Amino acid sequence: MKFFILAALFAVAAADSYRSAEYAPKYEAPAYKSTYEAKYETPQPYDFSWAVNDYYNDYEHSEKSVDGNVVTGSYRVVLPDGRTQIVTYRADSYGYVADVKYTGEAKYPEYVANNYKATTYSAPAYKPTAPTYSAPAYKPTAPTYSAPAYTAPTYTAPAKKGPTYTVTAPTYSAPAPAYTATPVYKAPAVQPQY
């Protein structure tokens, strides 16, 4: 335990006196000059509007920008409660500002109390009768067994035949020699120099 305390004390003392190496290499950011020059198009003015009016939707939207920096527009939606929501907005460098108006009056279906009367039924007139049981008419008979008709099998002894071997003696013949008695060497035409 004393060893660990001494090691921890030594580690703290060593960490306190630690300095980063002064000879460590220093890297500077590369001096990069771009030849690319960003070209931004000036915003173009635009103006559009569209509307949908069918069985499910009644929607209208229009928007325009005169200088490309300020966008103004409005849209109109018929809500399910019968009112019409009209939103007029303006979006510029200061943010999005919307003015929301509702026209018409909300109409909800009127609650009608249910005058439904449940059907009444009288108690069933079923009267069960007590079941009657009769004694079973099954009379078992004692089984009769006959001796099995078993005949002993007959076996015939297999005919033993010994294997027959035929041996043919190999024939050998001495090979004829295929060499000359003295080798013939030719001297090289040019002597190698080392």
C-alpha atoms as a PDB file:
ATOM      1  CA  MET A   1       0.000   0.000   0.000  1.00  0.00           C
ATOM      2  CA  LYS A   2       2.890   2.331   0.825  1.00  0.00           C
ATOM      3  CA  PHE A   3       4.313   1.609  -2.594  1.00  0.00           C
ATOM      4  CA  PHE A   4       1.153   2.834  -4.352  1.00  0.00           C
ATOM      5  CA  ILE A   5       1.030   6.004  -2.274  1.00  0.00           C
ATOM      6  CA  LEU A   6       4.704   6.678  -3.027  1.00  0.00           C
ATOM      7  CA  ALA A   7       4.148   5.997  -6.756  1.00  0.00           C
ATOM      8  CA  ALA A   8       1.135   8.376  -6.842  1.00  0.00           C
ATOM      9  CA  LEU A   9       3.134  11.089  -5.065  1.00  0.00           C
ATOM     10  CA  PHE A  10       5.993  10.667  -7.532  1.00  0.00           C
ATOM     11  CA  ALA A  11       3.584  10.844 -10.512  1.00  0.00           C
ATOM     12  CA  VAL A  12       2.069  14.128  -9.224  1.00  0.00           C
ATOM     13  CA  ALA A  13       5.516  15.642  -8.694  1.00  0.00           C
ATOM     14  CA  ALA A  14       6.672  14.570 -12.156  1.00  0.00           C
ATOM     15  CA  ALA A  15       3.527  15.952 -13.804  1.00  0.00           C
ATOM     16  CA  ASP A  16       3.986  19.308 -12.058  1.00  0.00           C
ATOM     17  CA  SER A  17       7.474  19.769 -13.480  1.00  0.00           C
ATOM     18  CA  TYR A  18       6.580  18.673 -16.996  1.00  0.00           C
ATOM     19  CA  ARG A  19       7.115  21.199 -19.775  1.00  0.00           C
ATOM     20  CA  SER A  20       6.416  20.633 -23.392  1.00  0.00           C
ATOM     21  CA  ALA A  21       9.456  20.211 -25.560  1.00  0.00           C
ATOM     22  CA  GLU A  22      10.768  23.473 -26.906  1.00  0.00           C
ATOM     23  CA  TYR A  23      12.281  21.712 -29.863  1.00  0.00           C
ATOM     24  CA  ALA A  24       8.932  20.292 -31.008  1.00  0.00           C
ATOM     25  CA  PRO A  25       8.190  21.174 -34.630  1.00  0.00           C
ATOM     26  CA  LYS A  26       5.784  24.006 -35.203  1.00  0.00           C
ATOM     27  CA  TYR A  27       3.468  23.871 -38.157  1.00  0.00           C
ATOM     28  CA  GLU A  28       1.872  26.928 -39.565  1.00  0.00           C
ATOM     29  CA  ALA A  29      -1.202  27.012 -41.711  1.00  0.00           C
ATOM     30  CA  PRO A  30      -0.305  26.910 -45.399  1.00  0.00           C
ATOM     31  CA  ALA A  31      -0.513  30.206 -47.211  1.00  0.00           C
ATOM     32  CA  TYR A  32      -3.184  29.394 -49.767  1.00  0.00           C
ATOM     33  CA  LYS A  33      -4.543  32.022 -52.032  1.00  0.00           C
ATOM     34  CA  SER A  34      -7.593  31.116 -53.985  1.00  0.00           C
ATOM     35  CA  THR A  35      -7.990  32.357 -57.495  1.00  0.00           C
ATOM     36  CA  TYR A  36     -11.706  31.544 -57.356  1.00  0.00           C
ATOM     37  CA  GLU A  37     -13.932  34.530 -56.997  1.00  0.00           C
ATOM     38  CA  ALA A  38     -17.493  33.893 -55.849  1.00  0.00           C
ATOM     39  CA  LYS A  39     -20.073  35.308 -58.184  1.00  0.00           C
ATOM     40  CA  TYR A  40     -23.528  35.687 -56.780  1.00  0.00           C
ATOM     41  CA  GLU A  41     -26.420  36.306 -59.054  1.00  0.00           C
ATOM     42  CA  THR A  42     -28.722  39.078 -58.042  1.00  0.00           C
ATOM     43  CA  PRO A  43     -32.145  37.774 -56.984  1.00  0.00           C
ATOM     44  CA  GLN A  44     -34.643  37.940 -59.790  1.00  0.00           C
ATOM     45  CA  PRO A  45     -38.161  39.271 -59.320  1.00  0.00           C
ATOM     46  CA  TYR A  46     -40.998  36.753 -59.600  1.00  0.00           C
ATOM     47  CA  ASP A  47     -44.753  36.551 -59.209  1.00  0.00           C
ATOM     48  CA  PHE A  48     -47.019  33.467 -59.094  1.00  0.00           C
ATOM     49  CA  SER A  49     -50.409  32.369 -57.847  1.00  0.00           C
ATOM     50  CA  TRP A  50     -52.501  29.218 -57.972  1.00  0.00           C
ATOM     51  CA  ALA A  51     -55.753  27.876 -56.553  1.00  0.00           C
ATOM     52  CA  VAL A  52     -57.500  24.549 -56.020  1.00  0.00           C
ATOM     53  CA  ASN A  53     -61.227  24.316 -55.654  1.00  0.00           C
ATOM     54  CA  ASP A  54     -62.737  20.841 -55.724  1.00  0.00           C
ATOM     55  CA  TYR A  55     -64.853  18.587 -53.554  1.00  0.00           C
ATOM     56  CA  TYR A  56     -62.185  18.206 -50.848  1.00  0.00           C
ATOM     57  CA  ASN A  57     -60.101  21.390 -51.088  1.00  0.00           C
ATOM     58  CA  ASP A  58     -60.627  25.104 -51.420  1.00  0.00           C
ATOM     59  CA  TYR A  59     -57.112  26.558 -51.357  1.00  0.00           C
ATOM     60  CA  GLU A  60     -55.473  29.616 -52.894  1.00  0.00           C
ATOM     61  CA  HIS A  61     -51.862  30.861 -52.764  1.00  0.00           C
ATOM     62  CA  SER A  62     -50.105  33.857 -54.318  1.00  0.00           C
ATOM     63  CA  GLU A  63     -46.578  35.197 -53.808  1.00  0.00           C
ATOM     64  CA  LYS A  64     -44.357  37.844 -55.363  1.00  0.00           C
ATOM     65  CA  SER A  65     -40.961  39.433 -54.991  1.00  0.00           C
ATOM     66  CA  VAL A  66     -40.235  42.740 -56.710  1.00  0.00           C
ATOM     67  CA  ASP A  67     -36.531  43.118 -55.921  1.00  0.00           C
ATOM     68  CA  GLY A  68     -35.680  39.547 -54.841  1.00  0.00           C
ATOM     69  CA  ASN A  69     -34.985  40.573 -51.246  1.00  0.00           C
ATOM     70  CA  VAL A  70     -38.508  41.057 -49.910  1.00  0.00           C
ATOM     71  CA  VAL A  71     -41.165  38.381 -50.479  1.00  0.00           C
ATOM     72  CA  THR A  72     -44.845  39.104 -49.895  1.00  0.00           C
ATOM     73  CA  GLY A  73     -47.753  36.774 -50.337  1.00  0.00           C
ATOM     74  CA  SER A  74     -50.936  35.306 -48.987  1.00  0.00           C
ATOM     75  CA  TYR A  75     -52.844  32.066 -48.886  1.00  0.00           C
ATOM     76  CA  ARG A  76     -56.438  31.175 -48.108  1.00  0.00           C
ATOM     77  CA  VAL A  77     -57.766  27.875 -46.715  1.00  0.00           C
ATOM     78  CA  VAL A  78     -61.317  26.793 -45.903  1.00  0.00           C
ATOM     79  CA  LEU A  79     -61.218  25.070 -42.500  1.00  0.00           C
ATOM     80  CA  PRO A  80     -63.360  22.043 -41.562  1.00  0.00           C
ATOM     81  CA  ASP A  81     -65.532  24.151 -39.231  1.00  0.00           C
ATOM     82  CA  GLY A  82     -66.634  26.370 -42.141  1.00  0.00           C
ATOM     83  CA  ARG A  83     -64.395  29.370 -41.467  1.00  0.00           C
ATOM     84  CA  THR A  84     -61.845  30.691 -43.973  1.00  0.00           C
ATOM     85  CA  GLN A  85     -58.298  31.291 -42.752  1.00  0.00           C
ATOM     86  CA  ILE A  86     -56.445  34.059 -44.626  1.00  0.00           C
ATOM     87  CA  VAL A  87     -52.698  34.438 -43.988  1.00  0.00           C
ATOM     88  CA  THR A  88     -50.847  37.480 -45.383  1.00  0.00           C
ATOM     89  CA  TYR A  89     -47.075  37.346 -44.897  1.00  0.00           C
ATOM     90  CA  ARG A  90     -43.896  39.277 -45.545  1.00  0.00           C
ATOM     91  CA  ALA A  91     -40.401  37.757 -45.458  1.00  0.00           C
ATOM     92  CA  ASP A  92     -37.252  39.876 -45.620  1.00  0.00           C
ATOM     93  CA  SER A  93     -33.891  40.168 -43.882  1.00  0.00           C
ATOM     94  CA  TYR A  94     -35.687  40.826 -40.575  1.00  0.00           C
ATOM     95  CA  GLY A  95     -37.592  37.512 -40.649  1.00  0.00           C
ATOM     96  CA  TYR A  96     -41.038  36.148 -41.432  1.00  0.00           C
ATOM     97  CA  VAL A  97     -44.056  38.171 -40.307  1.00  0.00           C
ATOM     98  CA  ALA A  98     -47.526  36.705 -40.787  1.00  0.00           C
ATOM     99  CA  ASP A  99     -50.957  38.246 -40.263  1.00  0.00           C
ATOM    100  CA  VAL A 100     -53.636  35.567 -39.731  1.00  0.00           C
ATOM    101  CA  LYS A 101     -57.347  36.406 -40.086  1.00  0.00           C
ATOM    102  CA  TYR A 102     -60.456  34.267 -39.952  1.00  0.00           C
ATOM    103  CA  THR A 103     -63.669  35.058 -41.791  1.00  0.00           C
ATOM    104  CA  GLY A 104     -67.016  33.441 -41.243  1.00  0.00           C
ATOM    105  CA  GLU A 105     -68.376  31.753 -38.180  1.00  0.00           C
ATOM    106  CA  ALA A 106     -67.489  28.284 -36.953  1.00  0.00           C
ATOM    107  CA  LYS A 107     -70.375  25.885 -37.412  1.00  0.00           C
ATOM    108  CA  TYR A 108     -70.480  22.640 -35.530  1.00  0.00           C
ATOM    109  CA  PRO A 109     -73.207  20.030 -35.902  1.00  0.00           C
ATOM    110  CA  GLU A 110     -75.873  20.452 -33.261  1.00  0.00           C
ATOM    111  CA  TYR A 111     -76.089  17.752 -30.617  1.00  0.00           C
ATOM    112  CA  VAL A 112     -79.306  15.796 -30.807  1.00  0.00           C
ATOM    113  CA  ALA A 113     -80.197  13.578 -27.877  1.00  0.00           C
ATOM    114  CA  ASN A 114     -80.671   9.986 -28.904  1.00  0.00           C
ATOM    115  CA  ASN A 115     -84.276   8.882 -28.594  1.00  0.00           C
ATOM    116  CA  TYR A 116     -83.420   5.291 -29.306  1.00  0.00           C
ATOM    117  CA  LYS A 117     -85.210   2.722 -27.201  1.00  0.00           C
ATOM    118  CA  ALA A 118     -83.706  -0.689 -26.871  1.00  0.00           C
ATOM    119  CA  THR A 119     -85.813  -3.606 -27.989  1.00  0.00           C
ATOM    120  CA  THR A 120     -87.168  -5.658 -25.106  1.00  0.00           C
ATOM    121  CA  TYR A 121     -87.472  -9.405 -25.170  1.00  0.00           C
ATOM    122  CA  SER A 122     -89.565 -11.686 -22.996  1.00  0.00           C
ATOM    123  CA  ALA A 123     -88.039 -14.586 -21.114  1.00  0.00           C
ATOM    124  CA  PRO A 124     -87.757 -17.778 -23.196  1.00  0.00           C
ATOM    125  CA  ALA A 125     -90.536 -20.350 -22.804  1.00  0.00           C
ATOM    126  CA  TYR A 126     -88.231 -23.356 -23.048  1.00  0.00           C
ATOM    127  CA  LYS A 127     -88.878 -26.120 -20.546  1.00  0.00           C
ATOM    128  CA  PRO A 128     -86.445 -28.999 -20.721  1.00  0.00           C
ATOM    129  CA  THR A 129     -87.678 -32.560 -20.175  1.00  0.00           C
ATOM    130  CA  ALA A 130     -85.717 -35.038 -18.115  1.00  0.00           C
ATOM    131  CA  PRO A 131     -83.768 -37.425 -20.343  1.00  0.00           C
ATOM    132  CA  THR A 132     -84.579 -41.147 -20.257  1.00  0.00           C
ATOM    133  CA  TYR A 133     -81.883 -43.771 -20.611  1.00  0.00           C
ATOM    134  CA  SER A 134     -82.303 -47.455 -21.460  1.00  0.00           C
ATOM    135  CA  ALA A 135     -79.890 -50.259 -20.647  1.00  0.00           C
ATOM    136  CA  PRO A 136     -77.359 -50.976 -23.378  1.00  0.00           C
ATOM    137  CA  ALA A 137     -78.218 -53.751 -25.796  1.00  0.00           C
ATOM    138  CA  TYR A 138     -74.607 -54.851 -26.293  1.00  0.00           C
ATOM    139  CA  LYS A 139     -73.815 -58.400 -25.215  1.00  0.00           C
ATOM    140  CA  PRO A 140     -70.197 -59.400 -25.646  1.00  0.00           C
ATOM    141  CA  THR A 141     -69.363 -62.932 -26.803  1.00  0.00           C
ATOM    142  CA  ALA A 142     -66.280 -64.804 -25.660  1.00  0.00           C
ATOM    143  CA  PRO A 143     -63.568 -64.763 -28.325  1.00  0.00           C
ATOM    144  CA  THR A 144     -62.508 -68.004 -29.952  1.00  0.00           C
ATOM    145  CA  TYR A 145     -58.925 -68.625 -30.945  1.00  0.00           C
ATOM    146  CA  SER A 146     -57.612 -71.277 -33.329  1.00  0.00           C
ATOM    147  CA  ALA A 147     -54.085 -72.613 -33.382  1.00  0.00           C
ATOM    148  CA  PRO A 148     -51.897 -70.877 -35.955  1.00  0.00           C
ATOM    149  CA  ALA A 149     -51.185 -72.727 -39.162  1.00  0.00           C
ATOM    150  CA  TYR A 150     -47.399 -72.646 -38.984  1.00  0.00           C
ATOM    151  CA  THR A 151     -45.138 -74.851 -41.074  1.00  0.00           C
ATOM    152  CA  ALA A 152     -41.471 -75.172 -40.281  1.00  0.00           C
ATOM    153  CA  PRO A 153     -39.161 -73.776 -42.959  1.00  0.00           C
ATOM    154  CA  THR A 154     -36.920 -76.063 -44.925  1.00  0.00           C
ATOM    155  CA  TYR A 155     -33.313 -75.143 -45.512  1.00  0.00           C
ATOM    156  CA  THR A 156     -30.971 -76.562 -48.099  1.00  0.00           C
ATOM    157  CA  ALA A 157     -27.287 -76.573 -47.398  1.00  0.00           C
ATOM    158  CA  PRO A 158     -25.302 -74.337 -49.765  1.00  0.00           C
ATOM    159  CA  ALA A 159     -23.068 -76.001 -52.272  1.00  0.00           C
ATOM    160  CA  LYS A 160     -19.473 -75.380 -51.246  1.00  0.00           C
ATOM    161  CA  LYS A 161     -17.122 -74.591 -54.054  1.00  0.00           C
ATOM    162  CA  GLY A 162     -13.545 -73.712 -53.444  1.00  0.00           C
ATOM    163  CA  PRO A 163     -11.929 -70.879 -55.388  1.00  0.00           C
ATOM    164  CA  THR A 164      -9.993 -71.779 -58.488  1.00  0.00           C
ATOM    165  CA  TYR A 165      -6.691 -70.055 -59.154  1.00  0.00           C
ATOM    166  CA  THR A 166      -4.752 -70.014 -62.368  1.00  0.00           C
ATOM    167  CA  VAL A 167      -1.134 -68.950 -62.191  1.00  0.00           C
ATOM    168  CA  THR A 168       0.902 -68.063 -65.225  1.00  0.00           C
ATOM    169  CA  ALA A 169       4.645 -67.846 -64.776  1.00  0.00           C
ATOM    170  CA  PRO A 170       6.204 -64.545 -65.893  1.00  0.00           C
ATOM    171  CA  THR A 171       8.696 -64.622 -68.699  1.00  0.00           C
ATOM    172  CA  TYR A 172      11.857 -62.542 -68.465  1.00  0.00           C
ATOM    173  CA  SER A 173      14.307 -61.631 -71.188  1.00  0.00           C
ATOM    174  CA  ALA A 174      17.557 -59.787 -70.688  1.00  0.00           C
ATOM    175  CA  PRO A 175      17.658 -56.334 -72.283  1.00  0.00           C
ATOM    176  CA  ALA A 176      20.231 -55.616 -74.968  1.00  0.00           C
ATOM    177  CA  PRO A 177      22.882 -53.047 -73.941  1.00  0.00           C
ATOM    178  CA  ALA A 178      22.399 -49.640 -75.565  1.00  0.00           C
ATOM    179  CA  TYR A 179      25.763 -47.945 -74.970  1.00  0.00           C
ATOM    180  CA  THR A 180      29.097 -47.608 -76.717  1.00  0.00           C
ATOM    181  CA  ALA A 181      32.199 -48.853 -75.066  1.00  0.00           C
ATOM    182  CA  THR A 182      34.271 -45.612 -75.165  1.00  0.00           C
ATOM    183  CA  PRO A 183      32.858 -42.069 -75.029  1.00  0.00           C
ATOM    184  CA  VAL A 184      33.852 -39.557 -77.679  1.00  0.00           C
ATOM    185  CA  TYR A 185      34.663 -35.994 -76.499  1.00  0.00           C
ATOM    186  CA  LYS A 186      35.326 -32.954 -78.676  1.00  0.00           C
ATOM    187  CA  ALA A 187      37.598 -30.172 -77.537  1.00  0.00           C
ATOM    188  CA  PRO A 188      35.986 -26.720 -77.406  1.00  0.00           C
ATOM    189  CA  ALA A 189      36.870 -24.357 -80.234  1.00  0.00           C
ATOM    190  CA  VAL A 190      37.531 -21.323 -77.974  1.00  0.00           C
ATOM    191  CA  GLN A 191      39.043 -21.441 -74.540  1.00  0.00           C
ATOM    192  CA  PRO A 192      37.155 -19.335 -71.952  1.00  0.00           C
ATOM    193  CA  GLN A 193      39.086 -16.495 -70.300  1.00  0.00           C
ATOM    194  CA  TYR A 194      38.645 -15.866 -66.614  1.00  0.00           C
END
